Amino acid sequence: MRVGTLNVIVLAVASSASAVACSRSNVESMNAMNQGVSLATTKQYVEAVQALQKATVIDPQNDQAFYNLAVVHMEMRKFDPAKEDLTRAISVAPDNAAYQEK
């Protein structure tokens, strides 16, 4: 089954790096998230989950890391963790309409 949103995570990565003044933890979280996205695009889902989880631990406010983690879990057909990840993304960024669509 192809979820069809894996390409969206690559776009989400590009838009965040320049957004707000970045602290060291924000940068480290973004780097881990980018690594996770890269691994996911090559279908290395287990490694992608590890990198994305690392990103969420470093910066629990990184809504895009939670979103990307949800996408990877959906690709792995792990829908309960995907739901939890998406719920967390929404709780961090409730105004992001894209999260509401999933």
C-alpha atoms as a PDB file:
ATOM      1  CA  MET A   1       0.000   0.000   0.000  1.00  0.00           C
ATOM      2  CA  ARG A   2       1.323   3.419  -0.924  1.00  0.00           C
ATOM      3  CA  VAL A   3       0.122   6.154   1.382  1.00  0.00           C
ATOM      4  CA  GLY A   4       1.067   8.856  -1.101  1.00  0.00           C
ATOM      5  CA  THR A   5       2.295  11.452   1.376  1.00  0.00           C
ATOM      6  CA  LEU A   6       5.942  10.481   1.636  1.00  0.00           C
ATOM      7  CA  ASN A   7       6.898  13.147  -0.891  1.00  0.00           C
ATOM      8  CA  VAL A   8       5.205  15.777   1.259  1.00  0.00           C
ATOM      9  CA  ILE A   9       7.688  15.217   4.060  1.00  0.00           C
ATOM     10  CA  VAL A  10      10.536  16.322   1.838  1.00  0.00           C
ATOM     11  CA  LEU A  11       8.751  19.625   1.226  1.00  0.00           C
ATOM     12  CA  ALA A  12       8.095  20.062   4.936  1.00  0.00           C
ATOM     13  CA  VAL A  13      11.801  19.771   5.640  1.00  0.00           C
ATOM     14  CA  ALA A  14      12.748  22.574   3.288  1.00  0.00           C
ATOM     15  CA  SER A  15      10.365  25.132   4.731  1.00  0.00           C
ATOM     16  CA  SER A  16      11.336  24.958   8.402  1.00  0.00           C
ATOM     17  CA  ALA A  17      15.051  25.559   8.504  1.00  0.00           C
ATOM     18  CA  SER A  18      14.801  29.248   7.757  1.00  0.00           C
ATOM     19  CA  ALA A  19      11.586  30.010   9.625  1.00  0.00           C
ATOM     20  CA  VAL A  20      12.334  31.105  13.170  1.00  0.00           C
ATOM     21  CA  ALA A  21      15.580  31.975  14.894  1.00  0.00           C
ATOM     22  CA  CYS A  22      17.041  28.545  15.490  1.00  0.00           C
ATOM     23  CA  SER A  23      18.534  27.398  18.731  1.00  0.00           C
ATOM     24  CA  ARG A  24      21.131  24.651  18.738  1.00  0.00           C
ATOM     25  CA  SER A  25      18.490  22.090  19.724  1.00  0.00           C
ATOM     26  CA  ASN A  26      16.221  23.257  16.881  1.00  0.00           C
ATOM     27  CA  VAL A  27      19.056  22.757  14.406  1.00  0.00           C
ATOM     28  CA  GLU A  28      19.935  19.338  15.823  1.00  0.00           C
ATOM     29  CA  SER A  29      16.293  18.307  15.689  1.00  0.00           C
ATOM     30  CA  MET A  30      15.978  19.495  12.085  1.00  0.00           C
ATOM     31  CA  ASN A  31      19.144  17.606  11.139  1.00  0.00           C
ATOM     32  CA  ALA A  32      17.785  14.393  12.683  1.00  0.00           C
ATOM     33  CA  MET A  33      14.458  14.972  10.953  1.00  0.00           C
ATOM     34  CA  ASN A  34      16.162  15.521   7.592  1.00  0.00           C
ATOM     35  CA  GLN A  35      18.084  12.303   8.092  1.00  0.00           C
ATOM     36  CA  GLY A  36      14.817  10.494   8.854  1.00  0.00           C
ATOM     37  CA  VAL A  37      13.169  11.907   5.744  1.00  0.00           C
ATOM     38  CA  SER A  38      16.131  10.861   3.628  1.00  0.00           C
ATOM     39  CA  LEU A  39      16.002   7.338   5.037  1.00  0.00           C
ATOM     40  CA  ALA A  40      12.250   7.155   4.469  1.00  0.00           C
ATOM     41  CA  THR A  41      12.597   8.127   0.822  1.00  0.00           C
ATOM     42  CA  THR A  42      14.857   5.097   0.364  1.00  0.00           C
ATOM     43  CA  LYS A  43      12.345   2.899   2.250  1.00  0.00           C
ATOM     44  CA  GLN A  44      14.654   2.403   5.226  1.00  0.00           C
ATOM     45  CA  TYR A  45      11.683   2.805   7.507  1.00  0.00           C
ATOM     46  CA  VAL A  46      13.066   1.347  10.739  1.00  0.00           C
ATOM     47  CA  GLU A  47      16.080   3.655  10.577  1.00  0.00           C
ATOM     48  CA  ALA A  48      13.821   6.558   9.573  1.00  0.00           C
ATOM     49  CA  VAL A  49      11.658   6.016  12.654  1.00  0.00           C
ATOM     50  CA  GLN A  50      14.743   6.042  14.860  1.00  0.00           C
ATOM     51  CA  ALA A  51      16.005   9.308  13.376  1.00  0.00           C
ATOM     52  CA  LEU A  52      12.590  10.960  13.552  1.00  0.00           C
ATOM     53  CA  GLN A  53      12.057   9.859  17.132  1.00  0.00           C
ATOM     54  CA  LYS A  54      15.450  11.334  17.969  1.00  0.00           C
ATOM     55  CA  ALA A  55      14.294  14.616  16.403  1.00  0.00           C
ATOM     56  CA  THR A  56      11.175  14.657  18.597  1.00  0.00           C
ATOM     57  CA  VAL A  57      13.205  13.979  21.744  1.00  0.00           C
ATOM     58  CA  ILE A  58      15.655  16.777  20.955  1.00  0.00           C
ATOM     59  CA  ASP A  59      12.849  19.237  20.227  1.00  0.00           C
ATOM     60  CA  PRO A  60       9.394  18.170  21.452  1.00  0.00           C
ATOM     61  CA  GLN A  61       7.935  21.231  19.671  1.00  0.00           C
ATOM     62  CA  ASN A  62       9.077  20.031  16.225  1.00  0.00           C
ATOM     63  CA  ASP A  63       5.617  19.374  14.815  1.00  0.00           C
ATOM     64  CA  GLN A  64       7.025  18.439  11.409  1.00  0.00           C
ATOM     65  CA  ALA A  65       9.089  15.655  12.946  1.00  0.00           C
ATOM     66  CA  PHE A  66       5.923  14.217  14.506  1.00  0.00           C
ATOM     67  CA  TYR A  67       4.097  14.570  11.200  1.00  0.00           C
ATOM     68  CA  ASN A  68       6.908  12.889   9.272  1.00  0.00           C
ATOM     69  CA  LEU A  69       7.015  10.131  11.869  1.00  0.00           C
ATOM     70  CA  ALA A  70       3.272   9.594  11.337  1.00  0.00           C
ATOM     71  CA  VAL A  71       3.825   9.314   7.584  1.00  0.00           C
ATOM     72  CA  VAL A  72       6.562   6.717   8.043  1.00  0.00           C
ATOM     73  CA  HIS A  73       4.428   4.739  10.476  1.00  0.00           C
ATOM     74  CA  MET A  74       1.603   4.780   7.907  1.00  0.00           C
ATOM     75  CA  GLU A  75       4.011   3.484   5.261  1.00  0.00           C
ATOM     76  CA  MET A  76       4.876   0.673   7.694  1.00  0.00           C
ATOM     77  CA  ARG A  77       1.134   0.046   8.249  1.00  0.00           C
ATOM     78  CA  LYS A  78       1.548   0.844  11.950  1.00  0.00           C
ATOM     79  CA  PHE A  79      -1.590   2.892  12.237  1.00  0.00           C
ATOM     80  CA  ASP A  80      -1.853   3.211  16.026  1.00  0.00           C
ATOM     81  CA  PRO A  81       1.589   4.837  16.373  1.00  0.00           C
ATOM     82  CA  ALA A  82       0.817   6.948  13.287  1.00  0.00           C
ATOM     83  CA  LYS A  83      -2.349   8.232  14.940  1.00  0.00           C
ATOM     84  CA  GLU A  84      -0.409   9.103  18.100  1.00  0.00           C
ATOM     85  CA  ASP A  85       2.266  10.927  16.086  1.00  0.00           C
ATOM     86  CA  LEU A  86      -0.289  12.894  14.104  1.00  0.00           C
ATOM     87  CA  THR A  87      -2.183  13.779  17.278  1.00  0.00           C
ATOM     88  CA  ARG A  88       1.064  15.100  18.748  1.00  0.00           C
ATOM     89  CA  ALA A  89       1.797  17.133  15.593  1.00  0.00           C
ATOM     90  CA  ILE A  90      -1.672  18.668  15.838  1.00  0.00           C
ATOM     91  CA  SER A  91      -1.247  19.448  19.539  1.00  0.00           C
ATOM     92  CA  VAL A  92       2.036  21.253  18.832  1.00  0.00           C
ATOM     93  CA  ALA A  93       0.711  23.119  15.772  1.00  0.00           C
ATOM     94  CA  PRO A  94      -3.093  23.170  15.926  1.00  0.00           C
ATOM     95  CA  ASP A  95      -3.355  25.826  13.206  1.00  0.00           C
ATOM     96  CA  ASN A  96      -1.608  23.713  10.568  1.00  0.00           C
ATOM     97  CA  ALA A  97      -4.493  22.695   8.321  1.00  0.00           C
ATOM     98  CA  ALA A  98      -2.403  20.072   6.511  1.00  0.00           C
ATOM     99  CA  TYR A  99      -2.272  17.952   9.670  1.00  0.00           C
ATOM    100  CA  GLN A 100      -6.041  18.056   9.991  1.00  0.00           C
ATOM    101  CA  GLU A 101      -6.463  16.509   6.509  1.00  0.00           C
ATOM    102  CA  LYS A 102      -4.650  13.289   7.314  1.00  0.00           C
END
